[in-house]
Amino acid sequence: MARTLDEADLLTKVKTFKNPNYQLPRKQNLKQLLTADANNHPNRDVNAPTFTNIEATPSMMPAKKYCDITGLEAKYTDPKTKLRYHDAEVYAVVKGMSVDAAQAFLSLRNSQIVLK
């Protein structure tokens, strides 16, 4: 019985699937990676597309609008103050807001609308 327990002990058994000489890959920062890439390809065309010089085209989707009060996605806009709001609860706050407070929220959004 003791012999079978010693054979079943996984802590003392040599693990054949682990390489004792394995070392983790060396971590490099971005500057080191770019320098190594430039050294590996000295004759590369400057205009050739790479991960560091490609640019995405502008999105065809309309820009998302966010509530000026809560920061949630805004489905509605108040026609009087031009403030964007998320739901009826926020609209109650917008409706009772003074012109100066509404102007302050609009200035946070960089919307230069003069309210009368």
PDB file of N, CA and C in Angstrom:
ATOM      1  N   MET A   1       0.825  -1.189   0.000  1.00  0.00           N
ATOM      2  CA  MET A   1       0.000   0.000   0.000  1.00  0.00           C
ATOM      3  C   MET A   1       0.871   1.256   0.000  1.00  0.00           C
ATOM      4  N   ALA A   2       1.949   1.250   0.807  1.00  0.00           N
ATOM      5  CA  ALA A   2       2.830   2.417   0.877  1.00  0.00           C
ATOM      6  C   ALA A   2       3.542   2.635  -0.447  1.00  0.00           C
ATOM      7  N   ARG A   3       3.848   1.544  -1.121  1.00  0.00           N
ATOM      8  CA  ARG A   3       4.543   1.653  -2.409  1.00  0.00           C
ATOM      9  C   ARG A   3       3.635   2.322  -3.449  1.00  0.00           C
ATOM     10  N   THR A   4       2.376   1.993  -3.487  1.00  0.00           N
ATOM     11  CA  THR A   4       1.456   2.597  -4.450  1.00  0.00           C
ATOM     12  C   THR A   4       1.207   4.064  -4.133  1.00  0.00           C
ATOM     13  N   LEU A   5       1.243   4.421  -2.840  1.00  0.00           N
ATOM     14  CA  LEU A   5       1.089   5.827  -2.476  1.00  0.00           C
ATOM     15  C   LEU A   5       2.291   6.642  -2.934  1.00  0.00           C
ATOM     16  N   ASP A   6       3.501   6.061  -2.818  1.00  0.00           N
ATOM     17  CA  ASP A   6       4.699   6.762  -3.272  1.00  0.00           C
ATOM     18  C   ASP A   6       4.683   6.941  -4.789  1.00  0.00           C
ATOM     19  N   GLU A   7       4.176   5.968  -5.501  1.00  0.00           N
ATOM     20  CA  GLU A   7       4.095   6.078  -6.954  1.00  0.00           C
ATOM     21  C   GLU A   7       3.050   7.110  -7.383  1.00  0.00           C
ATOM     22  N   ALA A   8       2.018   7.279  -6.598  1.00  0.00           N
ATOM     23  CA  ALA A   8       0.943   8.209  -6.931  1.00  0.00           C
ATOM     24  C   ALA A   8       1.242   9.636  -6.490  1.00  0.00           C
ATOM     25  N   ASP A   9       2.310   9.842  -5.728  1.00  0.00           N
ATOM     26  CA  ASP A   9       2.650  11.178  -5.241  1.00  0.00           C
ATOM     27  C   ASP A   9       3.137  12.036  -6.411  1.00  0.00           C
ATOM     28  N   LEU A  10       2.369  13.026  -6.783  1.00  0.00           N
ATOM     29  CA  LEU A  10       2.687  13.858  -7.941  1.00  0.00           C
ATOM     30  C   LEU A  10       3.718  14.941  -7.632  1.00  0.00           C
ATOM     31  N   LEU A  11       3.918  15.258  -6.364  1.00  0.00           N
ATOM     32  CA  LEU A  11       4.874  16.311  -6.021  1.00  0.00           C
ATOM     33  C   LEU A  11       6.313  15.871  -6.241  1.00  0.00           C
ATOM     34  N   THR A  12       6.599  14.604  -5.997  1.00  0.00           N
ATOM     35  CA  THR A  12       7.976  14.124  -6.140  1.00  0.00           C
ATOM     36  C   THR A  12       8.259  13.560  -7.524  1.00  0.00           C
ATOM     37  N   LYS A  13       7.232  13.308  -8.308  1.00  0.00           N
ATOM     38  CA  LYS A  13       7.408  12.717  -9.631  1.00  0.00           C
ATOM     39  C   LYS A  13       7.959  13.764 -10.609  1.00  0.00           C
ATOM     40  N   VAL A  14       8.875  13.349 -11.480  1.00  0.00           N
ATOM     41  CA  VAL A  14       9.454  14.243 -12.481  1.00  0.00           C
ATOM     42  C   VAL A  14       8.412  14.513 -13.557  1.00  0.00           C
ATOM     43  N   LYS A  15       8.200  15.789 -13.849  1.00  0.00           N
ATOM     44  CA  LYS A  15       7.205  16.177 -14.848  1.00  0.00           C
ATOM     45  C   LYS A  15       7.891  16.252 -16.208  1.00  0.00           C
ATOM     46  N   THR A  16       7.611  15.288 -17.058  1.00  0.00           N
ATOM     47  CA  THR A  16       8.289  15.199 -18.349  1.00  0.00           C
ATOM     48  C   THR A  16       7.819  16.267 -19.328  1.00  0.00           C
ATOM     49  N   PHE A  17       6.656  16.847 -19.113  1.00  0.00           N
ATOM     50  CA  PHE A  17       6.135  17.835 -20.046  1.00  0.00           C
ATOM     51  C   PHE A  17       6.682  19.236 -19.781  1.00  0.00           C
ATOM     52  N   LYS A  18       7.388  19.450 -18.671  1.00  0.00           N
ATOM     53  CA  LYS A  18       7.961  20.755 -18.365  1.00  0.00           C
ATOM     54  C   LYS A  18       9.430  20.775 -18.739  1.00  0.00           C
ATOM     55  N   ASN A  19       9.838  21.799 -19.455  1.00  0.00           N
ATOM     56  CA  ASN A  19      11.226  21.963 -19.840  1.00  0.00           C
ATOM     57  C   ASN A  19      11.942  22.722 -18.722  1.00  0.00           C
ATOM     58  N   PRO A  20      12.948  22.137 -18.074  1.00  0.00           N
ATOM     59  CA  PRO A  20      13.620  22.835 -16.968  1.00  0.00           C
ATOM     60  C   PRO A  20      14.455  24.024 -17.445  1.00  0.00           C
ATOM     61  N   ASN A  21      14.780  24.098 -18.732  1.00  0.00           N
ATOM     62  CA  ASN A  21      15.590  25.198 -19.257  1.00  0.00           C
ATOM     63  C   ASN A  21      14.750  26.323 -19.863  1.00  0.00           C
ATOM     64  N   TYR A  22      13.434  26.244 -19.743  1.00  0.00           N
ATOM     65  CA  TYR A  22      12.561  27.247 -20.358  1.00  0.00           C
ATOM     66  C   TYR A  22      12.683  28.579 -19.632  1.00  0.00           C
ATOM     67  N   GLN A  23      12.755  29.664 -20.414  1.00  0.00           N
ATOM     68  CA  GLN A  23      12.749  31.020 -19.869  1.00  0.00           C
ATOM     69  C   GLN A  23      11.626  31.794 -20.548  1.00  0.00           C
ATOM     70  N   LEU A  24      10.990  32.659 -19.804  1.00  0.00           N
ATOM     71  CA  LEU A  24       9.934  33.488 -20.365  1.00  0.00           C
ATOM     72  C   LEU A  24      10.523  34.429 -21.410  1.00  0.00           C
ATOM     73  N   PRO A  25       9.748  34.783 -22.441  1.00  0.00           N
ATOM     74  CA  PRO A  25      10.247  35.742 -23.423  1.00  0.00           C
ATOM     75  C   PRO A  25      10.524  37.093 -22.761  1.00  0.00           C
ATOM     76  N   ARG A  26      11.560  37.764 -23.256  1.00  0.00           N
ATOM     77  CA  ARG A  26      11.949  39.055 -22.688  1.00  0.00           C
ATOM     78  C   ARG A  26      10.915  40.107 -23.071  1.00  0.00           C
ATOM     79  N   LYS A  27      10.520  40.918 -22.119  1.00  0.00           N
ATOM     80  CA  LYS A  27       9.550  41.972 -22.382  1.00  0.00           C
ATOM     81  C   LYS A  27      10.274  43.180 -22.960  1.00  0.00           C
ATOM     82  N   GLN A  28       9.690  43.776 -24.008  1.00  0.00           N
ATOM     83  CA  GLN A  28      10.278  44.941 -24.649  1.00  0.00           C
ATOM     84  C   GLN A  28       9.250  46.061 -24.693  1.00  0.00           C
ATOM     85  N   ASN A  29       9.736  47.292 -24.565  1.00  0.00           N
ATOM     86  CA  ASN A  29       8.831  48.418 -24.692  1.00  0.00           C
ATOM     87  C   ASN A  29       8.672  48.778 -26.169  1.00  0.00           C
ATOM     88  N   LEU A  30       7.813  49.741 -26.465  1.00  0.00           N
ATOM     89  CA  LEU A  30       7.493  50.085 -27.846  1.00  0.00           C
ATOM     90  C   LEU A  30       8.711  50.593 -28.606  1.00  0.00           C
ATOM     91  N   LYS A  31       9.527  51.398 -27.964  1.00  0.00           N
ATOM     92  CA  LYS A  31      10.708  51.948 -28.636  1.00  0.00           C
ATOM     93  C   LYS A  31      11.657  50.826 -29.065  1.00  0.00           C
ATOM     94  N   GLN A  32      11.851  49.839 -28.215  1.00  0.00           N
ATOM     95  CA  GLN A  32      12.720  48.712 -28.552  1.00  0.00           C
ATOM     96  C   GLN A  32      12.138  47.905 -29.712  1.00  0.00           C
ATOM     97  N   LEU A  33      10.822  47.706 -29.717  1.00  0.00           N
ATOM     98  CA  LEU A  33      10.187  46.962 -30.799  1.00  0.00           C
ATOM     99  C   LEU A  33      10.323  47.693 -32.133  1.00  0.00           C
ATOM    100  N   LEU A  34      10.119  49.018 -32.124  1.00  0.00           N
ATOM    101  CA  LEU A  34      10.224  49.786 -33.361  1.00  0.00           C
ATOM    102  C   LEU A  34      11.648  49.803 -33.886  1.00  0.00           C
ATOM    103  N   THR A  35      12.620  49.918 -32.977  1.00  0.00           N
ATOM    104  CA  THR A  35      14.024  49.908 -33.390  1.00  0.00           C
ATOM    105  C   THR A  35      14.399  48.551 -33.976  1.00  0.00           C
ATOM    106  N   ALA A  36      13.970  47.485 -33.341  1.00  0.00           N
ATOM    107  CA  ALA A  36      14.272  46.144 -33.840  1.00  0.00           C
ATOM    108  C   ALA A  36      13.616  45.915 -35.198  1.00  0.00           C
ATOM    109  N   ASP A  37      12.395  46.409 -35.377  1.00  0.00           N
ATOM    110  CA  ASP A  37      11.705  46.259 -36.650  1.00  0.00           C
ATOM    111  C   ASP A  37      12.423  47.037 -37.751  1.00  0.00           C
ATOM    112  N   ALA A  38      12.888  48.245 -37.438  1.00  0.00           N
ATOM    113  CA  ALA A  38      13.614  49.049 -38.430  1.00  0.00           C
ATOM    114  C   ALA A  38      14.942  48.396 -38.785  1.00  0.00           C
ATOM    115  N   ASN A  39      15.615  47.782 -37.815  1.00  0.00           N
ATOM    116  CA  ASN A  39      16.895  47.118 -38.080  1.00  0.00           C
ATOM    117  C   ASN A  39      16.714  45.833 -38.887  1.00  0.00           C
ATOM    118  N   ASN A  40      15.595  45.153 -38.696  1.00  0.00           N
ATOM    119  CA  ASN A  40      15.346  43.902 -39.418  1.00  0.00           C
ATOM    120  C   ASN A  40      14.975  44.140 -40.880  1.00  0.00           C
ATOM    121  N   HIS A  41      14.419  45.315 -41.183  1.00  0.00           N
ATOM    122  CA  HIS A  41      13.966  45.620 -42.546  1.00  0.00           C
ATOM    123  C   HIS A  41      14.519  46.978 -42.978  1.00  0.00           C
ATOM    124  N   PRO A  42      15.821  47.101 -43.236  1.00  0.00           N
ATOM    125  CA  PRO A  42      16.381  48.417 -43.561  1.00  0.00           C
ATOM    126  C   PRO A  42      15.969  48.926 -44.941  1.00  0.00           C
ATOM    127  N   ASN A  43      15.624  48.046 -45.874  1.00  0.00           N
ATOM    128  CA  ASN A  43      15.298  48.473 -47.236  1.00  0.00           C
ATOM    129  C   ASN A  43      13.798  48.555 -47.491  1.00  0.00           C
ATOM    130  N   ARG A  44      13.008  48.590 -46.439  1.00  0.00           N
ATOM    131  CA  ARG A  44      11.554  48.626 -46.592  1.00  0.00           C
ATOM    132  C   ARG A  44      11.126  49.977 -47.164  1.00  0.00           C
ATOM    133  N   ASP A  45      10.136  49.930 -48.058  1.00  0.00           N
ATOM    134  CA  ASP A  45       9.573  51.152 -48.622  1.00  0.00           C
ATOM    135  C   ASP A  45       8.912  51.953 -47.501  1.00  0.00           C
ATOM    136  N   VAL A  46       9.151  53.260 -47.482  1.00  0.00           N
ATOM    137  CA  VAL A  46       8.613  54.110 -46.419  1.00  0.00           C
ATOM    138  C   VAL A  46       7.093  54.158 -46.479  1.00  0.00           C
ATOM    139  N   ASN A  47       6.534  54.078 -47.662  1.00  0.00           N
ATOM    140  CA  ASN A  47       5.083  54.167 -47.823  1.00  0.00           C
ATOM    141  C   ASN A  47       4.378  52.814 -47.728  1.00  0.00           C
ATOM    142  N   ALA A  48       5.111  51.755 -47.489  1.00  0.00           N
ATOM    143  CA  ALA A  48       4.495  50.434 -47.360  1.00  0.00           C
ATOM    144  C   ALA A  48       3.643  50.390 -46.096  1.00  0.00           C
ATOM    145  N   PRO A  49       2.443  49.801 -46.169  1.00  0.00           N
ATOM    146  CA  PRO A  49       1.583  49.775 -44.986  1.00  0.00           C
ATOM    147  C   PRO A  49       2.118  48.836 -43.905  1.00  0.00           C
ATOM    148  N   THR A  50       2.210  49.345 -42.706  1.00  0.00           N
ATOM    149  CA  THR A  50       2.586  48.552 -41.540  1.00  0.00           C
ATOM    150  C   THR A  50       1.602  48.870 -40.426  1.00  0.00           C
ATOM    151  N   PHE A  51       1.714  48.166 -39.312  1.00  0.00           N
ATOM    152  CA  PHE A  51       0.805  48.425 -38.196  1.00  0.00           C
ATOM    153  C   PHE A  51       1.029  49.795 -37.581  1.00  0.00           C
ATOM    154  N   THR A  52       2.204  50.363 -37.747  1.00  0.00           N
ATOM    155  CA  THR A  52       2.495  51.648 -37.112  1.00  0.00           C
ATOM    156  C   THR A  52       2.114  52.838 -37.969  1.00  0.00           C
ATOM    157  N   ASN A  53       1.851  52.649 -39.271  1.00  0.00           N
ATOM    158  CA  ASN A  53       1.549  53.819 -40.086  1.00  0.00           C
ATOM    159  C   ASN A  53       0.193  53.766 -40.791  1.00  0.00           C
ATOM    160  N   ILE A  54      -0.619  52.753 -40.547  1.00  0.00           N
ATOM    161  CA  ILE A  54      -1.923  52.711 -41.203  1.00  0.00           C
ATOM    162  C   ILE A  54      -2.902  53.590 -40.437  1.00  0.00           C
ATOM    163  N   GLU A  55      -3.849  54.144 -41.164  1.00  0.00           N
ATOM    164  CA  GLU A  55      -4.880  54.967 -40.549  1.00  0.00           C
ATOM    165  C   GLU A  55      -6.239  54.454 -41.007  1.00  0.00           C
ATOM    166  N   ALA A  56      -7.180  54.481 -40.118  1.00  0.00           N
ATOM    167  CA  ALA A  56      -8.525  54.029 -40.454  1.00  0.00           C
ATOM    168  C   ALA A  56      -9.299  55.176 -41.095  1.00  0.00           C
ATOM    169  N   THR A  57     -10.226  54.828 -41.957  1.00  0.00           N
ATOM    170  CA  THR A  57     -11.068  55.846 -42.571  1.00  0.00           C
ATOM    171  C   THR A  57     -12.099  56.314 -41.555  1.00  0.00           C
ATOM    172  N   PRO A  58     -12.679  57.480 -41.756  1.00  0.00           N
ATOM    173  CA  PRO A  58     -13.716  57.940 -40.830  1.00  0.00           C
ATOM    174  C   PRO A  58     -14.906  56.983 -40.831  1.00  0.00           C
ATOM    175  N   SER A  59     -15.542  56.875 -39.704  1.00  0.00           N
ATOM    176  CA  SER A  59     -16.669  55.963 -39.561  1.00  0.00           C
ATOM    177  C   SER A  59     -17.866  56.458 -40.366  1.00  0.00           C
ATOM    178  N   MET A  60     -18.589  55.528 -40.943  1.00  0.00           N
ATOM    179  CA  MET A  60     -19.801  55.865 -41.688  1.00  0.00           C
ATOM    180  C   MET A  60     -21.011  55.947 -40.757  1.00  0.00           C
ATOM    181  N   MET A  61     -20.853  55.459 -39.545  1.00  0.00           N
ATOM    182  CA  MET A  61     -21.942  55.498 -38.574  1.00  0.00           C
ATOM    183  C   MET A  61     -22.048  56.907 -37.991  1.00  0.00           C
ATOM    184  N   PRO A  62     -23.263  57.362 -37.650  1.00  0.00           N
ATOM    185  CA  PRO A  62     -23.383  58.679 -37.023  1.00  0.00           C
ATOM    186  C   PRO A  62     -22.756  58.670 -35.627  1.00  0.00           C
ATOM    187  N   ALA A  63     -22.251  59.820 -35.217  1.00  0.00           N
ATOM    188  CA  ALA A  63     -21.612  59.928 -33.906  1.00  0.00           C
ATOM    189  C   ALA A  63     -22.653  59.719 -32.809  1.00  0.00           C
ATOM    190  N   LYS A  64     -22.251  59.061 -31.737  1.00  0.00           N
ATOM    191  CA  LYS A  64     -23.172  58.843 -30.624  1.00  0.00           C
ATOM    192  C   LYS A  64     -23.343  60.141 -29.852  1.00  0.00           C
ATOM    193  N   LYS A  65     -24.548  60.335 -29.334  1.00  0.00           N
ATOM    194  CA  LYS A  65     -24.850  61.516 -28.534  1.00  0.00           C
ATOM    195  C   LYS A  65     -25.095  61.057 -27.108  1.00  0.00           C
ATOM    196  N   TYR A  66     -24.526  61.793 -26.164  1.00  0.00           N
ATOM    197  CA  TYR A  66     -24.622  61.410 -24.764  1.00  0.00           C
ATOM    198  C   TYR A  66     -25.364  62.477 -23.974  1.00  0.00           C
ATOM    199  N   CYS A  67     -26.051  62.035 -22.931  1.00  0.00           N
ATOM    200  CA  CYS A  67     -26.827  62.911 -22.064  1.00  0.00           C
ATOM    201  C   CYS A  67     -25.899  63.898 -21.374  1.00  0.00           C
ATOM    202  N   ASP A  68     -26.288  65.180 -21.380  1.00  0.00           N
ATOM    203  CA  ASP A  68     -25.468  66.211 -20.751  1.00  0.00           C
ATOM    204  C   ASP A  68     -25.496  66.114 -19.227  1.00  0.00           C
ATOM    205  N   ILE A  69     -26.499  65.495 -18.672  1.00  0.00           N
ATOM    206  CA  ILE A  69     -26.632  65.408 -17.217  1.00  0.00           C
ATOM    207  C   ILE A  69     -26.009  64.126 -16.679  1.00  0.00           C
ATOM    208  N   THR A  70     -26.383  62.969 -17.247  1.00  0.00           N
ATOM    209  CA  THR A  70     -25.964  61.680 -16.685  1.00  0.00           C
ATOM    210  C   THR A  70     -24.791  61.038 -17.409  1.00  0.00           C
ATOM    211  N   GLY A  71     -24.568  61.378 -18.666  1.00  0.00           N
ATOM    212  CA  GLY A  71     -23.502  60.742 -19.433  1.00  0.00           C
ATOM    213  C   GLY A  71     -23.947  59.464 -20.123  1.00  0.00           C
ATOM    214  N   LEU A  72     -25.207  59.075 -19.949  1.00  0.00           N
ATOM    215  CA  LEU A  72     -25.741  57.909 -20.652  1.00  0.00           C
ATOM    216  C   LEU A  72     -26.062  58.293 -22.096  1.00  0.00           C
ATOM    217  N   GLU A  73     -26.352  57.299 -22.924  1.00  0.00           N
ATOM    218  CA  GLU A  73     -26.669  57.592 -24.319  1.00  0.00           C
ATOM    219  C   GLU A  73     -27.969  58.396 -24.386  1.00  0.00           C
ATOM    220  N   ALA A  74     -27.940  59.507 -25.118  1.00  0.00           N
ATOM    221  CA  ALA A  74     -29.088  60.413 -25.187  1.00  0.00           C
ATOM    222  C   ALA A  74     -29.958  60.066 -26.381  1.00  0.00           C
ATOM    223  N   LYS A  75     -31.235  59.856 -26.113  1.00  0.00           N
ATOM    224  CA  LYS A  75     -32.178  59.573 -27.187  1.00  0.00           C
ATOM    225  C   LYS A  75     -32.952  60.829 -27.580  1.00  0.00           C
ATOM    226  N   TYR A  76     -32.955  61.829 -26.706  1.00  0.00           N
ATOM    227  CA  TYR A  76     -33.811  62.989 -26.907  1.00  0.00           C
ATOM    228  C   TYR A  76     -33.020  64.286 -26.740  1.00  0.00           C
ATOM    229  N   THR A  77     -33.563  65.370 -27.329  1.00  0.00           N
ATOM    230  CA  THR A  77     -32.975  66.704 -27.189  1.00  0.00           C
ATOM    231  C   THR A  77     -34.084  67.671 -26.814  1.00  0.00           C
ATOM    232  N   ASP A  78     -33.844  68.500 -25.820  1.00  0.00           N
ATOM    233  CA  ASP A  78     -34.807  69.510 -25.407  1.00  0.00           C
ATOM    234  C   ASP A  78     -34.791  70.634 -26.442  1.00  0.00           C
ATOM    235  N   PRO A  79     -35.942  70.948 -27.062  1.00  0.00           N
ATOM    236  CA  PRO A  79     -35.941  71.972 -28.108  1.00  0.00           C
ATOM    237  C   PRO A  79     -35.665  73.381 -27.579  1.00  0.00           C
ATOM    238  N   LYS A  80     -35.984  73.634 -26.323  1.00  0.00           N
ATOM    239  CA  LYS A  80     -35.797  74.982 -25.768  1.00  0.00           C
ATOM    240  C   LYS A  80     -34.337  75.245 -25.422  1.00  0.00           C
ATOM    241  N   THR A  81     -33.707  74.324 -24.698  1.00  0.00           N
ATOM    242  CA  THR A  81     -32.332  74.551 -24.233  1.00  0.00           C
ATOM    243  C   THR A  81     -31.288  73.836 -25.080  1.00  0.00           C
ATOM    244  N   LYS A  82     -31.720  72.944 -25.969  1.00  0.00           N
ATOM    245  CA  LYS A  82     -30.823  72.134 -26.807  1.00  0.00           C
ATOM    246  C   LYS A  82     -29.961  71.170 -25.994  1.00  0.00           C
ATOM    247  N   LEU A  83     -30.354  70.906 -24.743  1.00  0.00           N
ATOM    248  CA  LEU A  83     -29.650  69.922 -23.921  1.00  0.00           C
ATOM    249  C   LEU A  83     -30.117  68.525 -24.318  1.00  0.00           C
ATOM    250  N   ARG A  84     -29.211  67.600 -24.333  1.00  0.00           N
ATOM    251  CA  ARG A  84     -29.538  66.208 -24.620  1.00  0.00           C
ATOM    252  C   ARG A  84     -29.848  65.504 -23.306  1.00  0.00           C
ATOM    253  N   TYR A  85     -30.859  64.626 -23.322  1.00  0.00           N
ATOM    254  CA  TYR A  85     -31.213  63.910 -22.100  1.00  0.00           C
ATOM    255  C   TYR A  85     -31.556  62.468 -22.418  1.00  0.00           C
ATOM    256  N   HIS A  86     -31.486  61.633 -21.376  1.00  0.00           N
ATOM    257  CA  HIS A  86     -31.622  60.187 -21.537  1.00  0.00           C
ATOM    258  C   HIS A  86     -33.066  59.710 -21.418  1.00  0.00           C
ATOM    259  N   ASP A  87     -33.794  60.197 -20.420  1.00  0.00           N
ATOM    260  CA  ASP A  87     -35.157  59.712 -20.215  1.00  0.00           C
ATOM    261  C   ASP A  87     -36.005  60.794 -19.558  1.00  0.00           C
ATOM    262  N   ALA A  88     -37.250  60.454 -19.216  1.00  0.00           N
ATOM    263  CA  ALA A  88     -38.199  61.420 -18.667  1.00  0.00           C
ATOM    264  C   ALA A  88     -37.757  61.955 -17.311  1.00  0.00           C
ATOM    265  N   GLU A  89     -37.101  61.134 -16.528  1.00  0.00           N
ATOM    266  CA  GLU A  89     -36.628  61.576 -15.210  1.00  0.00           C
ATOM    267  C   GLU A  89     -35.594  62.694 -15.354  1.00  0.00           C
ATOM    268  N   VAL A  90     -34.702  62.561 -16.309  1.00  0.00           N
ATOM    269  CA  VAL A  90     -33.695  63.592 -16.548  1.00  0.00           C
ATOM    270  C   VAL A  90     -34.347  64.814 -17.189  1.00  0.00           C
ATOM    271  N   TYR A  91     -35.379  64.594 -18.014  1.00  0.00           N
ATOM    272  CA  TYR A  91     -36.072  65.719 -18.645  1.00  0.00           C
ATOM    273  C   TYR A  91     -36.720  66.614 -17.600  1.00  0.00           C
ATOM    274  N   ALA A  92     -37.217  66.021 -16.512  1.00  0.00           N
ATOM    275  CA  ALA A  92     -37.801  66.825 -15.436  1.00  0.00           C
ATOM    276  C   ALA A  92     -36.746  67.752 -14.836  1.00  0.00           C
ATOM    277  N   VAL A  93     -35.512  67.288 -14.741  1.00  0.00           N
ATOM    278  CA  VAL A  93     -34.420  68.125 -14.229  1.00  0.00           C
ATOM    279  C   VAL A  93     -34.087  69.214 -15.242  1.00  0.00           C
ATOM    280  N   VAL A  94     -34.043  68.858 -16.516  1.00  0.00           N
ATOM    281  CA  VAL A  94     -33.706  69.826 -17.571  1.00  0.00           C
ATOM    282  C   VAL A  94     -34.779  70.899 -17.676  1.00  0.00           C
ATOM    283  N   LYS A  95     -36.046  70.507 -17.535  1.00  0.00           N
ATOM    284  CA  LYS A  95     -37.155  71.452 -17.655  1.00  0.00           C
ATOM    285  C   LYS A  95     -37.127  72.492 -16.537  1.00  0.00           C
ATOM    286  N   GLY A  96     -36.709  72.094 -15.342  1.00  0.00           N
ATOM    287  CA  GLY A  96     -36.667  73.021 -14.223  1.00  0.00           C
ATOM    288  C   GLY A  96     -35.354  73.776 -14.095  1.00  0.00           C
ATOM    289  N   MET A  97     -34.473  73.627 -15.045  1.00  0.00           N
ATOM    290  CA  MET A  97     -33.145  74.228 -14.985  1.00  0.00           C
ATOM    291  C   MET A  97     -33.186  75.684 -15.448  1.00  0.00           C
ATOM    292  N   SER A  98     -32.371  76.519 -14.808  1.00  0.00           N
ATOM    293  CA  SER A  98     -32.285  77.919 -15.226  1.00  0.00           C
ATOM    294  C   SER A  98     -31.480  78.028 -16.513  1.00  0.00           C
ATOM    295  N   VAL A  99     -31.585  79.184 -17.169  1.00  0.00           N
ATOM    296  CA  VAL A  99     -30.878  79.404 -18.431  1.00  0.00           C
ATOM    297  C   VAL A  99     -29.368  79.375 -18.204  1.00  0.00           C
ATOM    298  N   ASP A 100     -28.915  79.939 -17.084  1.00  0.00           N
ATOM    299  CA  ASP A 100     -27.475  79.951 -16.793  1.00  0.00           C
ATOM    300  C   ASP A 100     -26.931  78.530 -16.593  1.00  0.00           C
ATOM    301  N   ALA A 101     -27.690  77.694 -15.907  1.00  0.00           N
ATOM    302  CA  ALA A 101     -27.252  76.316 -15.683  1.00  0.00           C
ATOM    303  C   ALA A 101     -27.223  75.545 -17.002  1.00  0.00           C
ATOM    304  N   ALA A 102     -28.237  75.763 -17.840  1.00  0.00           N
ATOM    305  CA  ALA A 102     -28.264  75.095 -19.141  1.00  0.00           C
ATOM    306  C   ALA A 102     -27.091  75.557 -19.996  1.00  0.00           C
ATOM    307  N   GLN A 103     -26.778  76.858 -19.935  1.00  0.00           N
ATOM    308  CA  GLN A 103     -25.645  77.399 -20.691  1.00  0.00           C
ATOM    309  C   GLN A 103     -24.334  76.787 -20.200  1.00  0.00           C
ATOM    310  N   ALA A 104     -24.231  76.536 -18.893  1.00  0.00           N
ATOM    311  CA  ALA A 104     -23.021  75.919 -18.338  1.00  0.00           C
ATOM    312  C   ALA A 104     -22.861  74.483 -18.855  1.00  0.00           C
ATOM    313  N   PHE A 105     -23.964  73.730 -18.915  1.00  0.00           N
ATOM    314  CA  PHE A 105     -23.897  72.365 -19.449  1.00  0.00           C
ATOM    315  C   PHE A 105     -23.537  72.371 -20.935  1.00  0.00           C
ATOM    316  N   LEU A 106     -24.078  73.339 -21.680  1.00  0.00           N
ATOM    317  CA  LEU A 106     -23.753  73.430 -23.106  1.00  0.00           C
ATOM    318  C   LEU A 106     -22.290  73.802 -23.321  1.00  0.00           C
ATOM    319  N   SER A 107     -21.746  74.629 -22.442  1.00  0.00           N
ATOM    320  CA  SER A 107     -20.333  75.009 -22.587  1.00  0.00           C
ATOM    321  C   SER A 107     -19.423  73.821 -22.281  1.00  0.00           C
ATOM    322  N   LEU A 108     -19.854  72.912 -21.412  1.00  0.00           N
ATOM    323  CA  LEU A 108     -19.073  71.700 -21.153  1.00  0.00           C
ATOM    324  C   LEU A 108     -18.985  70.832 -22.400  1.00  0.00           C
ATOM    325  N   ARG A 109     -20.021  70.867 -23.211  1.00  0.00           N
ATOM    326  CA  ARG A 109     -20.059  70.084 -24.441  1.00  0.00           C
ATOM    327  C   ARG A 109     -19.442  70.850 -25.609  1.00  0.00           C
ATOM    328  N   ASN A 110     -18.977  72.069 -25.371  1.00  0.00           N
ATOM    329  CA  ASN A 110     -18.427  72.961 -26.404  1.00  0.00           C
ATOM    330  C   ASN A 110     -19.467  73.297 -27.459  1.00  0.00           C
ATOM    331  N   SER A 111     -20.698  73.437 -27.032  1.00  0.00           N
ATOM    332  CA  SER A 111     -21.766  73.847 -27.927  1.00  0.00           C
ATOM    333  C   SER A 111     -22.034  75.318 -27.662  1.00  0.00           C
ATOM    334  N   GLN A 112     -21.672  76.167 -28.601  1.00  0.00           N
ATOM    335  CA  GLN A 112     -21.763  77.615 -28.403  1.00  0.00           C
ATOM    336  C   GLN A 112     -23.132  78.126 -28.843  1.00  0.00           C
ATOM    337  N   ILE A 113     -24.157  77.799 -28.065  1.00  0.00           N
ATOM    338  CA  ILE A 113     -25.516  78.234 -28.353  1.00  0.00           C
ATOM    339  C   ILE A 113     -25.894  79.275 -27.318  1.00  0.00           C
ATOM    340  N   VAL A 114     -26.391  80.419 -27.787  1.00  0.00           N
ATOM    341  CA  VAL A 114     -26.822  81.474 -26.876  1.00  0.00           C
ATOM    342  C   VAL A 114     -28.314  81.296 -26.641  1.00  0.00           C
ATOM    343  N   LEU A 115     -28.679  81.066 -25.388  1.00  0.00           N
ATOM    344  CA  LEU A 115     -30.081  80.875 -25.029  1.00  0.00           C
ATOM    345  C   LEU A 115     -30.680  82.205 -24.623  1.00  0.00           C
ATOM    346  N   LYS A 116     -31.938  82.426 -25.003  1.00  0.00           N
ATOM    347  CA  LYS A 116     -32.622  83.678 -24.658  1.00  0.00           C
ATOM    348  C   LYS A 116     -33.626  83.448 -23.576  1.00  0.00           C
TER     349      LYS A 116
END
